[in-house]
PDB file of N, CA and C in Angstrom:
ATOM      1  N   MET A   1       1.593  11.464  19.284  1.00  0.00           N
ATOM      2  CA  MET A   1       1.115  10.119  19.029  1.00  0.00           C
ATOM      3  C   MET A   1       2.293   9.264  18.564  1.00  0.00           C
ATOM      4  N   ALA A   2       2.444   8.105  19.115  1.00  0.00           N
ATOM      5  CA  ALA A   2       3.542   7.213  18.764  1.00  0.00           C
ATOM      6  C   ALA A   2       3.383   6.703  17.334  1.00  0.00           C
ATOM      7  N   LEU A   3       4.510   6.394  16.714  1.00  0.00           N
ATOM      8  CA  LEU A   3       4.501   5.944  15.327  1.00  0.00           C
ATOM      9  C   LEU A   3       3.689   4.666  15.165  1.00  0.00           C
ATOM     10  N   SER A   4       3.847   3.726  16.085  1.00  0.00           N
ATOM     11  CA  SER A   4       3.104   2.468  15.967  1.00  0.00           C
ATOM     12  C   SER A   4       1.595   2.702  16.066  1.00  0.00           C
ATOM     13  N   ARG A   5       1.201   3.673  16.867  1.00  0.00           N
ATOM     14  CA  ARG A   5      -0.222   3.988  16.992  1.00  0.00           C
ATOM     15  C   ARG A   5      -0.750   4.625  15.704  1.00  0.00           C
ATOM     16  N   LYS A   6       0.053   5.476  15.073  1.00  0.00           N
ATOM     17  CA  LYS A   6      -0.342   6.088  13.804  1.00  0.00           C
ATOM     18  C   LYS A   6      -0.510   5.023  12.723  1.00  0.00           C
ATOM     19  N   ILE A   7       0.452   4.104  12.670  1.00  0.00           N
ATOM     20  CA  ILE A   7       0.381   3.042  11.668  1.00  0.00           C
ATOM     21  C   ILE A   7      -0.841   2.171  11.910  1.00  0.00           C
ATOM     22  N   ARG A   8      -1.107   1.839  13.166  1.00  0.00           N
ATOM     23  CA  ARG A   8      -2.295   1.044  13.504  1.00  0.00           C
ATOM     24  C   ARG A   8      -3.573   1.761  13.092  1.00  0.00           C
ATOM     25  N   ASP A   9      -3.630   3.081  13.335  1.00  0.00           N
ATOM     26  CA  ASP A   9      -4.800   3.878  12.971  1.00  0.00           C
ATOM     27  C   ASP A   9      -4.995   3.907  11.457  1.00  0.00           C
ATOM     28  N   ILE A  10      -3.916   4.118  10.721  1.00  0.00           N
ATOM     29  CA  ILE A  10      -4.003   4.146   9.255  1.00  0.00           C
ATOM     30  C   ILE A  10      -4.473   2.792   8.737  1.00  0.00           C
ATOM     31  N   PHE A  11      -3.912   1.711   9.276  1.00  0.00           N
ATOM     32  CA  PHE A  11      -4.289   0.376   8.811  1.00  0.00           C
ATOM     33  C   PHE A  11      -5.734   0.044   9.147  1.00  0.00           C
ATOM     34  N   SER A  12      -6.192   0.434  10.331  1.00  0.00           N
ATOM     35  CA  SER A  12      -7.588   0.127  10.690  1.00  0.00           C
ATOM     36  C   SER A  12      -8.560   0.921   9.818  1.00  0.00           C
ATOM     37  N   ARG A  13      -8.223   2.172   9.499  1.00  0.00           N
ATOM     38  CA  ARG A  13      -9.077   2.944   8.592  1.00  0.00           C
ATOM     39  C   ARG A  13      -9.052   2.363   7.184  1.00  0.00           C
ATOM     40  N   PHE A  14      -7.888   1.873   6.774  1.00  0.00           N
ATOM     41  CA  PHE A  14      -7.761   1.242   5.462  1.00  0.00           C
ATOM     42  C   PHE A  14      -8.659   0.014   5.375  1.00  0.00           C
ATOM     43  N   ARG A  15      -8.610  -0.838   6.397  1.00  0.00           N
ATOM     44  CA  ARG A  15      -9.441  -2.044   6.415  1.00  0.00           C
ATOM     45  C   ARG A  15     -10.926  -1.726   6.477  1.00  0.00           C
ATOM     46  N   ALA A  16     -11.293  -0.634   7.150  1.00  0.00           N
ATOM     47  CA  ALA A  16     -12.703  -0.278   7.308  1.00  0.00           C
ATOM     48  C   ALA A  16     -13.287   0.361   6.044  1.00  0.00           C
ATOM     49  N   ALA A  17     -12.430   0.873   5.171  1.00  0.00           N
ATOM     50  CA  ALA A  17     -12.912   1.529   3.945  1.00  0.00           C
ATOM     51  C   ALA A  17     -13.540   0.489   3.017  1.00  0.00           C
ATOM     52  N   PRO A  18     -14.508   0.909   2.222  1.00  0.00           N
ATOM     53  CA  PRO A  18     -15.154  -0.044   1.317  1.00  0.00           C
ATOM     54  C   PRO A  18     -14.205  -0.501   0.209  1.00  0.00           C
ATOM     55  N   PRO A  19     -14.294  -1.774  -0.182  1.00  0.00           N
ATOM     56  CA  PRO A  19     -13.460  -2.269  -1.277  1.00  0.00           C
ATOM     57  C   PRO A  19     -13.705  -1.452  -2.544  1.00  0.00           C
ATOM     58  N   GLY A  20     -12.636  -1.179  -3.253  1.00  0.00           N
ATOM     59  CA  GLY A  20     -12.750  -0.381  -4.465  1.00  0.00           C
ATOM     60  C   GLY A  20     -12.512   1.096  -4.218  1.00  0.00           C
ATOM     61  N   LYS A  21     -12.368   1.495  -2.952  1.00  0.00           N
ATOM     62  CA  LYS A  21     -12.101   2.885  -2.613  1.00  0.00           C
ATOM     63  C   LYS A  21     -10.981   3.014  -1.580  1.00  0.00           C
ATOM     64  N   ARG A  22     -10.468   1.889  -1.118  1.00  0.00           N
ATOM     65  CA  ARG A  22      -9.490   1.893  -0.028  1.00  0.00           C
ATOM     66  C   ARG A  22      -8.226   2.667  -0.358  1.00  0.00           C
ATOM     67  N   PHE A  23      -7.633   2.375  -1.500  1.00  0.00           N
ATOM     68  CA  PHE A  23      -6.351   2.980  -1.838  1.00  0.00           C
ATOM     69  C   PHE A  23      -6.495   4.465  -2.158  1.00  0.00           C
ATOM     70  N   THR A  24      -7.580   4.835  -2.818  1.00  0.00           N
ATOM     71  CA  THR A  24      -7.813   6.246  -3.112  1.00  0.00           C
ATOM     72  C   THR A  24      -8.050   7.028  -1.827  1.00  0.00           C
ATOM     73  N   MET A  25      -8.787   6.447  -0.892  1.00  0.00           N
ATOM     74  CA  MET A  25      -9.011   7.119   0.390  1.00  0.00           C
ATOM     75  C   MET A  25      -7.705   7.229   1.180  1.00  0.00           C
ATOM     76  N   LEU A  26      -6.866   6.194   1.108  1.00  0.00           N
ATOM     77  CA  LEU A  26      -5.565   6.238   1.774  1.00  0.00           C
ATOM     78  C   LEU A  26      -4.692   7.339   1.166  1.00  0.00           C
ATOM     79  N   TYR A  27      -4.682   7.419  -0.164  1.00  0.00           N
ATOM     80  CA  TYR A  27      -3.925   8.472  -0.855  1.00  0.00           C
ATOM     81  C   TYR A  27      -4.386   9.858  -0.393  1.00  0.00           C
ATOM     82  N   THR A  28      -5.699  10.066  -0.350  1.00  0.00           N
ATOM     83  CA  THR A  28      -6.247  11.361   0.053  1.00  0.00           C
ATOM     84  C   THR A  28      -5.875  11.685   1.500  1.00  0.00           C
ATOM     85  N   ARG A  29      -5.998  10.712   2.386  1.00  0.00           N
ATOM     86  CA  ARG A  29      -5.683  10.927   3.800  1.00  0.00           C
ATOM     87  C   ARG A  29      -4.208  11.264   3.993  1.00  0.00           C
ATOM     88  N   ILE A  30      -3.325  10.555   3.296  1.00  0.00           N
ATOM     89  CA  ILE A  30      -1.887  10.797   3.425  1.00  0.00           C
ATOM     90  C   ILE A  30      -1.533  12.178   2.878  1.00  0.00           C
ATOM     91  N   HIS A  31      -2.132  12.564   1.762  1.00  0.00           N
ATOM     92  CA  HIS A  31      -1.778  13.843   1.135  1.00  0.00           C
ATOM     93  C   HIS A  31      -2.358  15.054   1.863  1.00  0.00           C
ATOM     94  N   ARG A  32      -3.349  14.852   2.702  1.00  0.00           N
ATOM     95  CA  ARG A  32      -3.832  15.972   3.518  1.00  0.00           C
ATOM     96  C   ARG A  32      -2.795  16.371   4.557  1.00  0.00           C
ATOM     97  N   ARG A  33      -2.037  15.381   5.054  1.00  0.00           N
ATOM     98  CA  ARG A  33      -1.080  15.629   6.126  1.00  0.00           C
ATOM     99  C   ARG A  33       0.366  15.739   5.654  1.00  0.00           C
ATOM    100  N   GLN A  34       0.638  15.315   4.446  1.00  0.00           N
ATOM    101  CA  GLN A  34       2.029  15.199   3.994  1.00  0.00           C
ATOM    102  C   GLN A  34       2.738  16.542   3.925  1.00  0.00           C
ATOM    103  N   LYS A  35       4.010  16.522   4.301  1.00  0.00           N
ATOM    104  CA  LYS A  35       4.834  17.730   4.268  1.00  0.00           C
ATOM    105  C   LYS A  35       6.066  17.460   3.427  1.00  0.00           C
ATOM    106  N   GLY A  36       6.127  18.042   2.252  1.00  0.00           N
ATOM    107  CA  GLY A  36       7.331  17.964   1.435  1.00  0.00           C
ATOM    108  C   GLY A  36       7.443  16.728   0.573  1.00  0.00           C
ATOM    109  N   SER A  37       8.372  16.815  -0.382  1.00  0.00           N
ATOM    110  CA  SER A  37       8.549  15.724  -1.327  1.00  0.00           C
ATOM    111  C   SER A  37       9.566  14.701  -0.840  1.00  0.00           C
ATOM    112  N   LEU A  38      10.296  15.002   0.241  1.00  0.00           N
ATOM    113  CA  LEU A  38      11.242  14.025   0.786  1.00  0.00           C
ATOM    114  C   LEU A  38      10.496  12.778   1.257  1.00  0.00           C
ATOM    115  N   PHE A  39       9.376  12.982   1.935  1.00  0.00           N
ATOM    116  CA  PHE A  39       8.565  11.852   2.397  1.00  0.00           C
ATOM    117  C   PHE A  39       8.054  11.041   1.211  1.00  0.00           C
ATOM    118  N   ALA A  40       7.631  11.726   0.163  1.00  0.00           N
ATOM    119  CA  ALA A  40       7.119  11.036  -1.020  1.00  0.00           C
ATOM    120  C   ALA A  40       8.218  10.184  -1.656  1.00  0.00           C
ATOM    121  N   GLY A  41       9.397  10.751  -1.784  1.00  0.00           N
ATOM    122  CA  GLY A  41      10.507  10.006  -2.367  1.00  0.00           C
ATOM    123  C   GLY A  41      10.897   8.802  -1.534  1.00  0.00           C
ATOM    124  N   LEU A  42      10.915   8.981  -0.223  1.00  0.00           N
ATOM    125  CA  LEU A  42      11.247   7.863   0.666  1.00  0.00           C
ATOM    126  C   LEU A  42      10.183   6.769   0.606  1.00  0.00           C
ATOM    127  N   SER A  43       8.923   7.163   0.516  1.00  0.00           N
ATOM    128  CA  SER A  43       7.842   6.173   0.442  1.00  0.00           C
ATOM    129  C   SER A  43       7.929   5.351  -0.835  1.00  0.00           C
ATOM    130  N   VAL A  44       8.151   6.020  -1.944  1.00  0.00           N
ATOM    131  CA  VAL A  44       8.250   5.297  -3.222  1.00  0.00           C
ATOM    132  C   VAL A  44       9.494   4.415  -3.220  1.00  0.00           C
ATOM    133  N   GLY A  45      10.621   4.945  -2.724  1.00  0.00           N
ATOM    134  CA  GLY A  45      11.845   4.153  -2.673  1.00  0.00           C
ATOM    135  C   GLY A  45      11.696   2.922  -1.793  1.00  0.00           C
ATOM    136  N   LEU A  46      11.098   3.097  -0.621  1.00  0.00           N
ATOM    137  CA  LEU A  46      10.869   1.965   0.266  1.00  0.00           C
ATOM    138  C   LEU A  46       9.887   0.978  -0.365  1.00  0.00           C
ATOM    139  N   GLY A  47       8.877   1.496  -1.069  1.00  0.00           N
ATOM    140  CA  GLY A  47       7.933   0.619  -1.748  1.00  0.00           C
ATOM    141  C   GLY A  47       8.604  -0.246  -2.796  1.00  0.00           C
ATOM    142  N   VAL A  48       9.497   0.349  -3.578  1.00  0.00           N
ATOM    143  CA  VAL A  48      10.234  -0.409  -4.602  1.00  0.00           C
ATOM    144  C   VAL A  48      11.126  -1.465  -3.937  1.00  0.00           C
ATOM    145  N   LEU A  49      11.795  -1.083  -2.847  1.00  0.00           N
ATOM    146  CA  LEU A  49      12.641  -2.052  -2.134  1.00  0.00           C
ATOM    147  C   LEU A  49      11.819  -3.216  -1.582  1.00  0.00           C
ATOM    148  N   LEU A  50      10.631  -2.925  -1.064  1.00  0.00           N
ATOM    149  CA  LEU A  50       9.774  -4.001  -0.553  1.00  0.00           C
ATOM    150  C   LEU A  50       9.299  -4.922  -1.671  1.00  0.00           C
ATOM    151  N   ILE A  51       9.018  -4.352  -2.836  1.00  0.00           N
ATOM    152  CA  ILE A  51       8.609  -5.189  -3.977  1.00  0.00           C
ATOM    153  C   ILE A  51       9.757  -6.108  -4.388  1.00  0.00           C
ATOM    154  N   LEU A  52      10.966  -5.559  -4.462  1.00  0.00           N
ATOM    155  CA  LEU A  52      12.136  -6.378  -4.817  1.00  0.00           C
ATOM    156  C   LEU A  52      12.408  -7.442  -3.748  1.00  0.00           C
ATOM    157  N   ALA A  53      12.279  -7.060  -2.468  1.00  0.00           N
ATOM    158  CA  ALA A  53      12.473  -8.025  -1.385  1.00  0.00           C
ATOM    159  C   ALA A  53      11.416  -9.123  -1.449  1.00  0.00           C
ATOM    160  N   GLY A  54      10.184  -8.749  -1.762  1.00  0.00           N
ATOM    161  CA  GLY A  54       9.125  -9.745  -1.901  1.00  0.00           C
ATOM    162  C   GLY A  54       9.391 -10.713  -3.036  1.00  0.00           C
ATOM    163  N   ALA A  55       9.924 -10.178  -4.147  1.00  0.00           N
ATOM    164  CA  ALA A  55      10.265 -11.051  -5.275  1.00  0.00           C
ATOM    165  C   ALA A  55      11.395 -12.004  -4.892  1.00  0.00           C
ATOM    166  N   ALA A  56      12.395 -11.496  -4.169  1.00  0.00           N
ATOM    167  CA  ALA A  56      13.505 -12.349  -3.733  1.00  0.00           C
ATOM    168  C   ALA A  56      13.030 -13.397  -2.729  1.00  0.00           C
ATOM    169  N   LEU A  57      12.154 -13.000  -1.806  1.00  0.00           N
ATOM    170  CA  LEU A  57      11.650 -13.945  -0.810  1.00  0.00           C
ATOM    171  C   LEU A  57      10.765 -15.016  -1.434  1.00  0.00           C
ATOM    172  N   SER A  58      10.161 -14.710  -2.556  1.00  0.00           N
ATOM    173  CA  SER A  58       9.312 -15.694  -3.233  1.00  0.00           C
ATOM    174  C   SER A  58      10.127 -16.874  -3.752  1.00  0.00           C
ATOM    175  N   LEU A  59      11.415 -16.660  -3.932  1.00  0.00           N
ATOM    176  CA  LEU A  59      12.277 -17.742  -4.404  1.00  0.00           C
ATOM    177  C   LEU A  59      12.609 -18.737  -3.310  1.00  0.00           C
ATOM    178  N   VAL A  60      12.474 -18.316  -2.046  1.00  0.00           N
ATOM    179  CA  VAL A  60      12.755 -19.185  -0.906  1.00  0.00           C
ATOM    180  C   VAL A  60      11.496 -19.999  -0.600  1.00  0.00           C
ATOM    181  N   PRO A  61      11.633 -21.305  -0.475  1.00  0.00           N
ATOM    182  CA  PRO A  61      10.454 -22.126  -0.175  1.00  0.00           C
ATOM    183  C   PRO A  61       9.812 -21.751   1.169  1.00  0.00           C
ATOM    184  N   LEU A  62       8.502 -21.794   1.211  1.00  0.00           N
ATOM    185  CA  LEU A  62       7.688 -21.561   2.409  1.00  0.00           C
ATOM    186  C   LEU A  62       7.722 -20.131   2.925  1.00  0.00           C
ATOM    187  N   VAL A  63       8.184 -19.171   2.121  1.00  0.00           N
ATOM    188  CA  VAL A  63       8.183 -17.770   2.541  1.00  0.00           C
ATOM    189  C   VAL A  63       7.229 -17.007   1.621  1.00  0.00           C
ATOM    190  N   PRO A  64       6.187 -16.386   2.191  1.00  0.00           N
ATOM    191  CA  PRO A  64       5.207 -15.672   1.352  1.00  0.00           C
ATOM    192  C   PRO A  64       5.702 -14.269   0.962  1.00  0.00           C
ATOM    193  N   GLY A  65       6.553 -14.205  -0.032  1.00  0.00           N
ATOM    194  CA  GLY A  65       7.111 -12.933  -0.473  1.00  0.00           C
ATOM    195  C   GLY A  65       6.070 -11.997  -1.063  1.00  0.00           C
ATOM    196  N   ILE A  66       4.958 -12.548  -1.544  1.00  0.00           N
ATOM    197  CA  ILE A  66       3.918 -11.708  -2.144  1.00  0.00           C
ATOM    198  C   ILE A  66       3.348 -10.730  -1.118  1.00  0.00           C
ATOM    199  N   VAL A  67       3.301 -11.119   0.144  1.00  0.00           N
ATOM    200  CA  VAL A  67       2.781 -10.239   1.194  1.00  0.00           C
ATOM    201  C   VAL A  67       3.675  -9.008   1.335  1.00  0.00           C
ATOM    202  N   VAL A  68       4.979  -9.224   1.319  1.00  0.00           N
ATOM    203  CA  VAL A  68       5.929  -8.110   1.410  1.00  0.00           C
ATOM    204  C   VAL A  68       5.785  -7.208   0.195  1.00  0.00           C
ATOM    205  N   ALA A  69       5.650  -7.808  -0.981  1.00  0.00           N
ATOM    206  CA  ALA A  69       5.490  -7.032  -2.211  1.00  0.00           C
ATOM    207  C   ALA A  69       4.193  -6.217  -2.193  1.00  0.00           C
ATOM    208  N   LEU A  70       3.133  -6.758  -1.618  1.00  0.00           N
ATOM    209  CA  LEU A  70       1.868  -6.023  -1.539  1.00  0.00           C
ATOM    210  C   LEU A  70       1.986  -4.794  -0.645  1.00  0.00           C
ATOM    211  N   PHE A  71       2.764  -4.902   0.438  1.00  0.00           N
ATOM    212  CA  PHE A  71       3.003  -3.728   1.269  1.00  0.00           C
ATOM    213  C   PHE A  71       3.758  -2.658   0.474  1.00  0.00           C
ATOM    214  N   GLY A  72       4.688  -3.094  -0.363  1.00  0.00           N
ATOM    215  CA  GLY A  72       5.412  -2.157  -1.213  1.00  0.00           C
ATOM    216  C   GLY A  72       4.494  -1.459  -2.201  1.00  0.00           C
ATOM    217  N   LEU A  73       3.575  -2.213  -2.787  1.00  0.00           N
ATOM    218  CA  LEU A  73       2.595  -1.606  -3.699  1.00  0.00           C
ATOM    219  C   LEU A  73       1.717  -0.596  -2.970  1.00  0.00           C
ATOM    220  N   GLY A  74       1.346  -0.937  -1.735  1.00  0.00           N
ATOM    221  CA  GLY A  74       0.538  -0.012  -0.935  1.00  0.00           C
ATOM    222  C   GLY A  74       1.270   1.288  -0.648  1.00  0.00           C
ATOM    223  N   LEU A  75       2.568   1.200  -0.355  1.00  0.00           N
ATOM    224  CA  LEU A  75       3.350   2.413  -0.113  1.00  0.00           C
ATOM    225  C   LEU A  75       3.417   3.295  -1.355  1.00  0.00           C
ATOM    226  N   ILE A  76       3.598   2.686  -2.502  1.00  0.00           N
ATOM    227  CA  ILE A  76       3.634   3.464  -3.745  1.00  0.00           C
ATOM    228  C   ILE A  76       2.265   4.085  -4.010  1.00  0.00           C
ATOM    229  N   ALA A  77       1.205   3.369  -3.683  1.00  0.00           N
ATOM    230  CA  ALA A  77      -0.150   3.895  -3.899  1.00  0.00           C
ATOM    231  C   ALA A  77      -0.439   5.113  -3.040  1.00  0.00           C
ATOM    232  N   THR A  78       0.285   5.288  -1.930  1.00  0.00           N
ATOM    233  CA  THR A  78       0.062   6.470  -1.100  1.00  0.00           C
ATOM    234  C   THR A  78       0.612   7.731  -1.756  1.00  0.00           C
ATOM    235  N   GLN A  79       1.409   7.580  -2.805  1.00  0.00           N
ATOM    236  CA  GLN A  79       2.051   8.739  -3.424  1.00  0.00           C
ATOM    237  C   GLN A  79       1.576   9.018  -4.840  1.00  0.00           C
ATOM    238  N   SER A  80       0.762   8.160  -5.409  1.00  0.00           N
ATOM    239  CA  SER A  80       0.295   8.345  -6.779  1.00  0.00           C
ATOM    240  C   SER A  80      -1.210   8.101  -6.846  1.00  0.00           C
ATOM    241  N   LYS A  81      -1.946   9.123  -7.207  1.00  0.00           N
ATOM    242  CA  LYS A  81      -3.404   8.985  -7.279  1.00  0.00           C
ATOM    243  C   LYS A  81      -3.801   7.998  -8.374  1.00  0.00           C
ATOM    244  N   ARG A  82      -3.105   8.030  -9.489  1.00  0.00           N
ATOM    245  CA  ARG A  82      -3.406   7.118 -10.594  1.00  0.00           C
ATOM    246  C   ARG A  82      -3.120   5.668 -10.179  1.00  0.00           C
ATOM    247  N   PHE A  83      -2.010   5.458  -9.490  1.00  0.00           N
ATOM    248  CA  PHE A  83      -1.668   4.110  -9.037  1.00  0.00           C
ATOM    249  C   PHE A  83      -2.642   3.635  -7.960  1.00  0.00           C
ATOM    250  N   ALA A  84      -3.072   4.540  -7.091  1.00  0.00           N
ATOM    251  CA  ALA A  84      -4.068   4.190  -6.075  1.00  0.00           C
ATOM    252  C   ALA A  84      -5.371   3.750  -6.741  1.00  0.00           C
ATOM    253  N   HIS A  85      -5.774   4.459  -7.785  1.00  0.00           N
ATOM    254  CA  HIS A  85      -6.994   4.090  -8.510  1.00  0.00           C
ATOM    255  C   HIS A  85      -6.822   2.716  -9.167  1.00  0.00           C
ATOM    256  N   TRP A  86      -5.649   2.470  -9.739  1.00  0.00           N
ATOM    257  CA  TRP A  86      -5.376   1.177 -10.351  1.00  0.00           C
ATOM    258  C   TRP A  86      -5.451   0.060  -9.309  1.00  0.00           C
ATOM    259  N   CYS A  87      -4.915   0.306  -8.113  1.00  0.00           N
ATOM    260  CA  CYS A  87      -4.981  -0.693  -7.037  1.00  0.00           C
ATOM    261  C   CYS A  87      -6.427  -0.970  -6.627  1.00  0.00           C
ATOM    262  N   ASP A  88      -7.257   0.078  -6.593  1.00  0.00           N
ATOM    263  CA  ASP A  88      -8.679  -0.111  -6.278  1.00  0.00           C
ATOM    264  C   ASP A  88      -9.364  -0.976  -7.330  1.00  0.00           C
ATOM    265  N   LEU A  89      -9.095  -0.704  -8.588  1.00  0.00           N
ATOM    266  CA  LEU A  89      -9.680  -1.508  -9.663  1.00  0.00           C
ATOM    267  C   LEU A  89      -9.196  -2.951  -9.596  1.00  0.00           C
ATOM    268  N   SER A  90      -7.915  -3.132  -9.310  1.00  0.00           N
ATOM    269  CA  SER A  90      -7.349  -4.481  -9.206  1.00  0.00           C
ATOM    270  C   SER A  90      -7.970  -5.240  -8.044  1.00  0.00           C
ATOM    271  N   GLU A  91      -8.183  -4.550  -6.929  1.00  0.00           N
ATOM    272  CA  GLU A  91      -8.795  -5.208  -5.774  1.00  0.00           C
ATOM    273  C   GLU A  91     -10.193  -5.715  -6.133  1.00  0.00           C
ATOM    274  N   CYS A  92     -10.964  -4.881  -6.810  1.00  0.00           N
ATOM    275  CA  CYS A  92     -12.325  -5.290  -7.203  1.00  0.00           C
ATOM    276  C   CYS A  92     -12.285  -6.482  -8.154  1.00  0.00           C
ATOM    277  N   PHE A  93     -11.364  -6.447  -9.119  1.00  0.00           N
ATOM    278  CA  PHE A  93     -11.231  -7.552 -10.064  1.00  0.00           C
ATOM    279  C   PHE A  93     -10.872  -8.848  -9.342  1.00  0.00           C
ATOM    280  N   ILE A  94      -9.897  -8.773  -8.441  1.00  0.00           N
ATOM    281  CA  ILE A  94      -9.447  -9.964  -7.716  1.00  0.00           C
ATOM    282  C   ILE A  94     -10.551 -10.499  -6.822  1.00  0.00           C
ATOM    283  N   ARG A  95     -11.285  -9.610  -6.183  1.00  0.00           N
ATOM    284  CA  ARG A  95     -12.396 -10.054  -5.330  1.00  0.00           C
ATOM    285  C   ARG A  95     -13.477 -10.766  -6.150  1.00  0.00           C
ATOM    286  N   ARG A  96     -13.806 -10.216  -7.324  1.00  0.00           N
ATOM    287  CA  ARG A  96     -14.819 -10.861  -8.176  1.00  0.00           C
ATOM    288  C   ARG A  96     -14.331 -12.202  -8.698  1.00  0.00           C
ATOM    289  N   LYS A  97     -13.061 -12.267  -9.050  1.00  0.00           N
ATOM    290  CA  LYS A  97     -12.508 -13.467  -9.665  1.00  0.00           C
ATOM    291  C   LYS A  97     -12.352 -14.619  -8.674  1.00  0.00           C
ATOM    292  N   PHE A  98     -11.962 -14.311  -7.439  1.00  0.00           N
ATOM    293  CA  PHE A  98     -11.610 -15.373  -6.505  1.00  0.00           C
ATOM    294  C   PHE A  98     -12.581 -15.551  -5.342  1.00  0.00           C
ATOM    295  N   THR A  99     -13.713 -14.856  -5.349  1.00  0.00           N
ATOM    296  CA  THR A  99     -14.683 -15.085  -4.283  1.00  0.00           C
ATOM    297  C   THR A  99     -16.008 -15.526  -4.838  1.00  0.00           C
TER     298      THR A  99
END
């Protein structure tokens, strides 16, 4: 299966999951298939870089750096069950507050 197809599949399952359980389900799905801690380290490292890039892009006018930072948070959530749970709680809070 091509990498782009895998990413599309993961994202579509993520979107289809019920709010408040998305990140935990993503964590569980990733950890069923994961092989080794090298992938985990790379995911967390890339997540941190995306968060920093998002913060830097936020300083440039008309560039939505928060979107890049959110992808970084999602990558970190794939490697930490506690962080995934926190993201689920945050999603529910944000949905209640702004909808």
